[in-house]
Amino acid sequence: MRLQRILAATAALGCLATLAACKEGGQPGTPAAASSSAAAADTGPLTAAQQYLRQFANCDDLSERPDDPRMPAAAFPKAGQWSVKELGVCSDKVRQGEIVIAVPTDMKQFQEGYKKYVLDRMGGGEGSYGLESRVLIGKGFVAFPTSTRTALALVRSDLRVLTCNPGASVPQGYKREKPLVEHCTLSDFVGSEDGSGSPNLETPQDPAGGGEKAGQPKTGSLGLPRADSIAELRTLVGNSLDCAKHFSTDPEAVAIESIDFAPVVTGSALEWGVTGRALCGEPAGAQRARNLSWLDTVGDMKLLQTKAKAAQLADYKEDGRLKQTASRLLVGENIAVETNSPSSRHGLYQLQFLYLNCVPGFSAPSGYRLEKSKVEGCVLTNYEPDNPLG
């Protein structure tokens, strides 16, 4: 009996050494299983992160080689940046993407670095940068999936999307958690400009059972932004347009047109129903104009949309496309913005502005907003197909 107890104790110690290599009853598993388990116990943080990711998505062929062609060519993430000590990459071939894995020594320092990076890019004119963040924060590591499908699979875990663009929003129905830095958000919402990310349950969906037009609310509007002055409108759109440093309400400046930036409203603004008007961006001086957009307060929205429809159809009639230099009219309740910048428009859509689209035969996929305009033959939408919008 004493010999049996000694043998049992020896087997139990062997089980502790090999963790999951033991079978029920304290019996050691096969030598191969024991070897595999011991190897897992010795893995570094990159391999541990890979094992975690594999519970939710594919993460094959892990590599730490800096010259691996799958490593990102972008400004981040990089080893040594924002306290990142290790960097690797694996492949999710099922979802046709890669996953970059970064292991920082200080997660707060990493999040502060990413926040500053986003704000710097926005300050450089990319107002919508970071709205579709693919920075997924885990426990001790950060994952950067290149595929939206991979990101959707990974947020089913404890990984959370870090978003630091102030214009970003998390729709109702998604988890919101506090990050380690102020004015950022952690959530399980995966944004995507093409609609392939997480469904926004606050926007109209094509309802099961039919009867309602895809993308159309049953009654009224889901809401549009409003402002009671040009100054209030400037503040509202500050993160989407170049209005912080370059702004003017001078009539001569506002009347400026450029070969690269054509406004919607031309001639007398009052004849368009516009009561106040301002210019954001840098007018031409020693160099060509840059980032021109126009802000409008509107007294007669139906008149503005009627004249904008006529101008849009005249442009479209020429060659079946809208000129890339022509601004699009995005409207709120009593305000409007004219811009030809896709990134700026995307930021404005996050603020609930909608684009006046009068192109014949236009339709929007399910999940995008599609609401009635003030004039027949047009719709208000946040969907922009590649063609014919230029």
Protein backbone atom coordinates (compact mmCIF):
# COMPACT_ATOMS: atom_id res chain seq x y z
CA MET A 1 0.00 0.00 0.00
CA ARG A 2 2.81 2.41 0.89
CA LEU A 3 4.45 1.70 -2.49
CA GLN A 4 1.14 2.40 -4.27
CA ARG A 5 0.80 5.75 -2.47
CA ILE A 6 4.34 6.71 -3.51
CA LEU A 7 3.63 5.79 -7.14
CA ALA A 8 0.35 7.77 -7.07
CA ALA A 9 2.10 10.83 -5.62
CA THR A 10 4.82 10.59 -8.27
CA ALA A 11 2.16 10.43 -11.01
CA ALA A 12 0.38 13.47 -9.54
CA LEU A 13 3.61 15.50 -9.56
CA GLY A 14 4.11 14.46 -13.17
CA CYS A 15 0.61 15.77 -13.94
CA LEU A 16 1.39 19.13 -12.36
CA ALA A 17 4.50 19.42 -14.50
CA THR A 18 2.66 18.64 -17.73
CA LEU A 19 -0.69 20.36 -16.92
CA ALA A 20 -3.29 19.09 -19.41
CA ALA A 21 -1.18 16.07 -20.39
CA CYS A 22 -2.83 14.05 -17.61
CA LYS A 23 -5.93 11.96 -17.97
CA GLU A 24 -8.67 11.72 -15.39
CA GLY A 25 -7.63 9.85 -12.24
CA GLY A 26 -4.17 11.42 -12.10
CA GLN A 27 -2.66 9.20 -14.80
CA PRO A 28 -0.07 10.80 -17.08
CA GLY A 29 -0.90 11.02 -20.76
CA THR A 30 1.23 9.91 -23.67
CA PRO A 31 4.83 11.19 -23.91
CA ALA A 32 3.86 13.23 -26.99
CA ALA A 33 1.01 14.96 -25.17
CA ALA A 34 3.23 15.67 -22.18
CA SER A 35 5.91 17.15 -24.46
CA SER A 36 3.37 19.32 -26.26
CA SER A 37 1.93 20.63 -23.03
CA ALA A 38 5.34 21.44 -21.62
CA ALA A 39 6.15 23.36 -24.79
CA ALA A 40 2.92 25.36 -24.45
CA ALA A 41 3.89 26.29 -20.90
CA ASP A 42 7.14 27.77 -22.26
CA THR A 43 5.52 29.89 -25.00
CA GLY A 44 6.11 33.61 -25.17
CA PRO A 45 3.45 36.33 -25.25
CA LEU A 46 3.10 36.28 -29.05
CA THR A 47 2.35 32.59 -29.14
CA ALA A 48 0.02 32.93 -26.16
CA ALA A 49 -1.84 35.67 -28.04
CA GLN A 50 -2.00 33.46 -31.12
CA GLN A 51 -3.52 30.64 -29.08
CA TYR A 52 -6.15 33.01 -27.72
CA LEU A 53 -7.02 34.40 -31.17
CA ARG A 54 -7.39 30.90 -32.58
CA GLN A 55 -10.42 30.35 -30.37
CA PHE A 56 -12.31 32.85 -32.52
CA ALA A 57 -10.54 33.12 -35.89
CA ASN A 58 -7.71 31.55 -37.85
CA CYS A 59 -4.22 32.75 -36.93
CA ASP A 60 -1.78 30.55 -38.83
CA ASP A 61 1.91 30.79 -39.74
CA LEU A 62 2.90 33.13 -36.92
CA SER A 63 6.07 35.05 -37.77
CA GLU A 64 8.17 37.62 -35.93
CA ARG A 65 10.43 38.37 -38.88
CA PRO A 66 10.54 42.13 -39.63
CA ASP A 67 10.97 41.30 -43.34
CA ASP A 68 7.83 39.13 -43.46
CA PRO A 69 5.80 40.62 -46.36
CA ARG A 70 2.67 40.39 -44.23
CA MET A 71 4.09 42.91 -41.76
CA PRO A 72 2.34 46.31 -42.06
CA ALA A 73 3.93 49.00 -44.18
CA ALA A 74 1.88 51.65 -42.34
CA ALA A 75 3.24 54.02 -39.71
CA PHE A 76 2.06 51.71 -36.95
CA PRO A 77 2.32 49.34 -35.26
CA LYS A 78 6.10 49.13 -35.04
CA ALA A 79 8.41 47.44 -32.54
CA GLY A 80 9.71 50.03 -30.09
CA GLN A 81 6.73 52.34 -30.74
CA TRP A 82 4.30 53.13 -27.91
CA SER A 83 6.13 50.61 -25.67
CA VAL A 84 5.65 47.71 -28.16
CA LYS A 85 8.36 45.16 -27.35
CA GLU A 86 7.27 42.32 -29.65
CA LEU A 87 5.54 42.27 -33.00
CA GLY A 88 4.27 39.33 -35.03
CA VAL A 89 1.84 38.51 -37.81
CA CYS A 90 -0.36 35.52 -38.63
CA SER A 91 -2.86 34.75 -41.39
CA ASP A 92 -6.60 34.22 -41.41
CA LYS A 93 -6.86 32.65 -44.86
CA VAL A 94 -10.50 31.71 -44.33
CA ARG A 95 -11.41 35.38 -44.07
CA GLN A 96 -8.70 36.52 -46.48
CA GLY A 97 -6.75 38.71 -44.10
CA GLU A 98 -3.78 39.03 -41.79
CA ILE A 99 -3.62 39.70 -38.06
CA VAL A 100 -0.74 41.76 -36.73
CA ILE A 101 -0.09 41.17 -33.02
CA ALA A 102 1.69 43.75 -30.86
CA VAL A 103 2.78 43.16 -27.27
CA PRO A 104 3.30 46.45 -25.37
CA THR A 105 4.96 46.66 -21.98
CA ASP A 106 2.65 49.52 -20.98
CA MET A 107 -0.90 49.34 -22.32
CA LYS A 108 -1.75 52.89 -21.25
CA GLN A 109 1.27 54.24 -23.08
CA PHE A 110 0.18 52.31 -26.16
CA GLN A 111 -3.34 53.73 -26.03
CA GLU A 112 -2.01 57.27 -25.49
CA GLY A 113 0.27 56.84 -28.51
CA TYR A 114 -2.56 55.64 -30.72
CA LYS A 115 -4.85 58.47 -29.59
CA LYS A 116 -2.20 61.08 -30.43
CA TYR A 117 -1.61 59.41 -33.80
CA VAL A 118 -5.33 59.61 -34.65
CA LEU A 119 -5.61 63.25 -33.61
CA ASP A 120 -2.48 64.15 -35.58
CA ARG A 121 -3.89 62.52 -38.71
CA MET A 122 -7.17 64.36 -38.21
CA GLY A 123 -5.31 67.62 -37.67
CA GLY A 124 -3.54 66.99 -40.98
CA GLY A 125 -6.84 67.07 -42.84
CA GLU A 126 -8.03 63.45 -42.51
CA GLY A 127 -11.16 64.19 -40.51
CA SER A 128 -12.55 60.67 -40.73
CA TYR A 129 -9.33 58.86 -39.79
CA GLY A 130 -9.90 56.17 -37.18
CA LEU A 131 -13.67 55.90 -37.58
CA GLU A 132 -13.20 52.35 -38.87
CA SER A 133 -10.57 51.44 -36.29
CA ARG A 134 -9.08 47.95 -36.44
CA VAL A 135 -7.11 48.33 -33.20
CA LEU A 136 -8.38 45.52 -30.94
CA ILE A 137 -7.24 45.69 -27.33
CA GLY A 138 -6.72 42.43 -25.48
CA LYS A 139 -5.24 41.44 -22.14
CA GLY A 140 -1.54 42.09 -22.63
CA PHE A 141 -1.62 42.34 -26.41
CA VAL A 142 -3.18 44.27 -29.28
CA ALA A 143 -4.49 42.71 -32.51
CA PHE A 144 -4.76 44.50 -35.86
CA PRO A 145 -6.90 42.43 -38.27
CA THR A 146 -6.80 43.63 -41.88
CA SER A 147 -10.10 41.94 -42.74
CA THR A 148 -13.43 43.25 -41.50
CA ARG A 149 -14.67 39.67 -41.31
CA THR A 150 -11.77 38.76 -39.03
CA ALA A 151 -12.48 41.77 -36.82
CA LEU A 152 -16.12 40.71 -36.53
CA ALA A 153 -15.03 37.23 -35.45
CA LEU A 154 -12.56 38.56 -32.88
CA VAL A 155 -14.93 40.95 -31.11
CA ARG A 156 -16.93 37.90 -30.03
CA SER A 157 -14.07 37.43 -27.57
CA ASP A 158 -12.89 39.82 -24.85
CA LEU A 159 -11.07 41.90 -27.47
CA ARG A 160 -12.46 45.42 -27.85
CA VAL A 161 -12.11 47.99 -30.63
CA LEU A 162 -10.23 51.13 -29.53
CA THR A 163 -11.69 54.21 -31.24
CA CYS A 164 -10.23 57.68 -30.62
CA ASN A 165 -11.85 59.78 -33.36
CA PRO A 166 -14.18 62.16 -31.45
CA GLY A 167 -16.75 61.85 -34.24
CA ALA A 168 -17.09 58.10 -33.84
CA SER A 169 -20.17 56.69 -32.15
CA VAL A 170 -21.14 53.30 -30.77
CA PRO A 171 -24.74 52.42 -31.68
CA GLN A 172 -27.14 51.16 -29.06
CA GLY A 173 -26.96 47.43 -28.45
CA TYR A 174 -23.15 47.25 -28.33
CA LYS A 175 -20.85 47.04 -25.34
CA ARG A 176 -19.07 50.21 -24.27
CA GLU A 177 -16.06 49.99 -21.97
CA LYS A 178 -13.69 52.60 -20.61
CA PRO A 179 -10.15 52.58 -22.04
CA LEU A 180 -7.02 53.73 -20.23
CA VAL A 181 -7.09 57.16 -21.89
CA GLU A 182 -9.72 59.88 -21.89
CA HIS A 183 -11.97 60.64 -24.87
CA CYS A 184 -11.54 57.22 -26.52
CA THR A 185 -13.91 54.26 -26.54
CA LEU A 186 -13.64 50.49 -26.26
CA SER A 187 -16.50 48.55 -27.82
CA ASP A 188 -17.47 45.42 -29.72
CA PHE A 189 -18.77 47.52 -32.64
CA VAL A 190 -16.79 47.12 -35.88
CA GLY A 191 -17.40 50.11 -38.13
CA SER A 192 -17.08 49.82 -41.89
CA GLU A 193 -17.70 52.37 -44.62
CA ASP A 194 -18.96 49.73 -47.05
CA GLY A 195 -21.54 48.36 -44.61
CA SER A 196 -19.81 45.00 -44.09
CA GLY A 197 -19.06 45.63 -40.41
CA SER A 198 -21.32 45.35 -37.40
CA PRO A 199 -24.95 46.21 -38.19
CA ASN A 200 -26.01 49.60 -36.90
CA LEU A 201 -29.30 48.82 -35.20
CA GLU A 202 -30.03 52.53 -34.89
CA THR A 203 -30.28 52.89 -38.68
CA PRO A 204 -33.12 51.35 -40.68
CA GLN A 205 -32.60 47.70 -41.50
CA ASP A 206 -34.40 45.62 -44.10
CA PRO A 207 -36.92 44.02 -41.72
CA ALA A 208 -37.63 40.31 -41.74
CA GLY A 209 -41.12 39.84 -43.01
CA GLY A 210 -40.87 42.58 -45.64
CA GLY A 211 -43.34 45.31 -46.34
CA GLU A 212 -40.94 48.15 -45.57
CA LYS A 213 -38.56 49.47 -48.19
CA ALA A 214 -34.96 48.51 -47.42
CA GLY A 215 -33.23 51.33 -45.61
CA GLN A 216 -36.40 53.41 -45.17
CA PRO A 217 -37.79 54.18 -41.70
CA LYS A 218 -41.47 53.41 -41.24
CA THR A 219 -42.34 56.96 -40.24
CA GLY A 220 -40.48 60.26 -40.43
CA SER A 221 -36.74 60.64 -40.08
CA LEU A 222 -34.18 59.13 -37.76
CA GLY A 223 -33.05 62.67 -37.04
CA LEU A 224 -30.81 65.29 -38.61
CA PRO A 225 -28.39 67.70 -36.93
CA ARG A 226 -29.26 71.35 -36.42
CA ALA A 227 -27.45 74.53 -35.42
CA ASP A 228 -28.77 78.01 -34.74
CA SER A 229 -25.81 79.94 -36.13
CA ILE A 230 -22.75 79.66 -38.35
CA ALA A 231 -20.57 79.67 -35.23
CA GLU A 232 -22.50 76.72 -33.79
CA LEU A 233 -22.32 74.90 -37.12
CA ARG A 234 -18.56 75.48 -37.27
CA THR A 235 -18.16 73.89 -33.85
CA LEU A 236 -20.40 70.97 -34.82
CA VAL A 237 -18.36 70.03 -37.90
CA GLY A 238 -14.96 70.96 -36.46
CA ASN A 239 -13.50 67.45 -36.59
CA SER A 240 -14.67 66.72 -40.13
CA LEU A 241 -13.70 69.88 -42.01
CA ASP A 242 -10.76 72.28 -42.12
CA CYS A 243 -12.61 74.96 -40.13
CA ALA A 244 -10.45 75.27 -37.00
CA LYS A 245 -7.58 77.24 -38.57
CA HIS A 246 -9.02 78.37 -41.89
CA PHE A 247 -12.45 79.93 -41.63
CA SER A 248 -14.10 83.04 -43.04
CA THR A 249 -17.54 84.63 -43.28
CA ASP A 250 -16.29 87.46 -45.46
CA PRO A 251 -18.61 87.64 -48.53
CA GLU A 252 -15.69 87.92 -50.95
CA ALA A 253 -13.95 84.90 -49.44
CA VAL A 254 -17.17 82.87 -49.35
CA ALA A 255 -17.80 83.64 -53.04
CA ILE A 256 -14.45 82.14 -54.07
CA GLU A 257 -14.56 79.21 -56.47
CA SER A 258 -11.65 76.99 -57.40
CA ILE A 259 -10.93 74.61 -60.26
CA ASP A 260 -10.56 71.90 -57.60
CA PHE A 261 -13.47 72.85 -55.32
CA ALA A 262 -16.79 73.86 -56.86
CA PRO A 263 -19.57 74.88 -54.43
CA VAL A 264 -23.20 73.84 -54.78
CA VAL A 265 -24.58 77.30 -54.03
CA THR A 266 -23.61 79.88 -56.63
CA GLY A 267 -24.63 83.50 -57.11
CA SER A 268 -26.89 85.01 -54.47
CA ALA A 269 -27.16 82.71 -51.47
CA LEU A 270 -30.57 84.16 -50.58
CA GLU A 271 -31.93 82.89 -53.88
CA TRP A 272 -31.04 79.38 -52.66
CA GLY A 273 -32.81 79.81 -49.32
CA VAL A 274 -29.47 80.25 -47.51
CA THR A 275 -29.41 82.84 -44.70
CA GLY A 276 -25.78 82.53 -43.57
CA ARG A 277 -22.66 81.24 -45.26
CA ALA A 278 -18.99 80.61 -44.42
CA LEU A 279 -15.90 79.15 -46.06
CA CYS A 280 -13.61 76.54 -44.49
CA GLY A 281 -10.20 75.77 -45.99
CA GLU A 282 -7.35 77.69 -47.58
CA PRO A 283 -8.24 79.87 -50.59
CA ALA A 284 -5.74 80.12 -53.41
CA GLY A 285 -2.80 82.40 -52.71
CA ALA A 286 0.77 81.52 -53.49
CA GLN A 287 -0.48 78.01 -54.16
CA ARG A 288 -3.71 76.33 -55.22
CA ALA A 289 -6.69 76.30 -52.89
CA ARG A 290 -6.85 73.48 -50.33
CA ASN A 291 -9.71 71.70 -48.56
CA LEU A 292 -12.46 74.16 -49.46
CA SER A 293 -15.91 73.50 -48.01
CA TRP A 294 -18.89 75.75 -47.37
CA LEU A 295 -21.15 75.98 -44.32
CA ASP A 296 -24.77 77.17 -44.67
CA THR A 297 -27.57 78.11 -42.35
CA VAL A 298 -30.83 77.54 -44.22
CA GLY A 299 -34.09 79.45 -44.00
CA ASP A 300 -35.87 77.60 -46.82
CA MET A 301 -34.68 73.98 -47.07
CA LYS A 302 -37.11 73.12 -49.86
CA LEU A 303 -35.79 75.95 -52.03
CA LEU A 304 -32.19 74.91 -51.39
CA GLN A 305 -32.89 71.28 -52.30
CA THR A 306 -34.90 72.29 -55.39
CA LYS A 307 -32.05 74.38 -56.82
CA ALA A 308 -29.43 71.78 -55.77
CA LYS A 309 -31.43 69.10 -57.60
CA ALA A 310 -31.42 71.14 -60.82
CA ALA A 311 -27.66 71.72 -60.57
CA GLN A 312 -26.97 68.05 -59.82
CA LEU A 313 -29.05 66.79 -62.75
CA ALA A 314 -27.39 69.27 -65.12
CA ASP A 315 -23.98 67.98 -64.03
CA TYR A 316 -25.08 64.35 -64.30
CA LYS A 317 -26.61 64.88 -67.75
CA GLU A 318 -23.26 65.78 -69.33
CA ASP A 319 -21.62 62.35 -69.09
CA GLY A 320 -23.67 60.27 -66.65
CA ARG A 321 -21.36 61.10 -63.75
CA LEU A 322 -20.96 63.83 -61.18
CA LYS A 323 -17.72 65.79 -61.41
CA GLN A 324 -15.23 64.92 -58.70
CA THR A 325 -14.55 68.62 -58.18
CA ALA A 326 -18.26 69.34 -57.62
CA SER A 327 -19.29 69.57 -53.99
CA ARG A 328 -22.08 67.38 -52.65
CA LEU A 329 -24.81 68.93 -50.53
CA LEU A 330 -25.18 67.34 -47.08
CA VAL A 331 -28.14 68.64 -45.12
CA GLY A 332 -29.37 68.78 -41.56
CA GLU A 333 -32.61 70.24 -40.26
CA ASN A 334 -31.74 73.89 -40.82
CA ILE A 335 -28.11 73.68 -41.95
CA ALA A 336 -26.08 72.31 -44.84
CA VAL A 337 -22.47 71.60 -45.79
CA GLU A 338 -21.01 71.61 -49.30
CA THR A 339 -17.85 69.53 -49.79
CA ASN A 340 -16.25 67.31 -52.42
CA SER A 341 -14.07 65.47 -49.89
CA PRO A 342 -15.17 61.83 -49.38
CA SER A 343 -13.37 61.60 -46.04
CA SER A 344 -15.03 64.79 -44.80
CA ARG A 345 -18.43 63.55 -45.92
CA HIS A 346 -17.90 60.30 -44.09
CA GLY A 347 -17.20 62.23 -40.90
CA LEU A 348 -20.34 64.28 -41.47
CA TYR A 349 -22.41 61.12 -41.84
CA GLN A 350 -21.32 60.19 -38.33
CA LEU A 351 -22.89 63.49 -37.23
CA GLN A 352 -26.16 62.41 -38.96
CA PHE A 353 -25.90 64.72 -41.97
CA LEU A 354 -27.42 63.17 -45.10
CA TYR A 355 -26.50 63.67 -48.76
CA LEU A 356 -29.09 64.98 -51.23
CA ASN A 357 -28.98 62.44 -54.07
CA CYS A 358 -31.10 63.15 -57.16
CA VAL A 359 -29.40 60.72 -59.58
CA PRO A 360 -32.11 58.77 -61.48
CA GLY A 361 -32.47 55.15 -60.40
CA PHE A 362 -30.41 55.53 -57.21
CA SER A 363 -30.98 52.99 -54.44
CA ALA A 364 -29.15 52.20 -51.21
CA PRO A 365 -28.37 48.77 -49.75
CA SER A 366 -30.14 47.62 -46.62
CA GLY A 367 -28.60 49.10 -43.50
CA TYR A 368 -27.96 52.57 -44.94
CA ARG A 369 -30.21 55.54 -44.29
CA LEU A 370 -32.56 56.42 -47.11
CA GLU A 371 -35.07 59.12 -46.27
CA LYS A 372 -37.41 61.49 -48.09
CA SER A 373 -36.09 64.83 -49.23
CA LYS A 374 -38.04 68.07 -49.57
CA VAL A 375 -38.32 67.62 -53.36
CA GLU A 376 -39.65 64.86 -55.56
CA GLY A 377 -37.10 62.68 -57.31
CA CYS A 378 -34.41 63.00 -54.63
CA VAL A 379 -33.55 61.14 -51.44
CA LEU A 380 -31.44 61.83 -48.38
CA THR A 381 -28.86 59.12 -47.74
CA ASN A 382 -25.52 58.26 -46.17
CA TYR A 383 -24.66 55.77 -48.93
CA GLU A 384 -22.28 56.71 -51.73
CA PRO A 385 -21.62 54.15 -54.46
CA ASP A 386 -18.37 54.43 -56.40
CA ASN A 387 -20.34 55.32 -59.52
CA PRO A 388 -21.94 57.69 -60.44
CA LEU A 389 -20.70 59.78 -57.52
CA GLY A 390 -17.24 60.02 -58.98
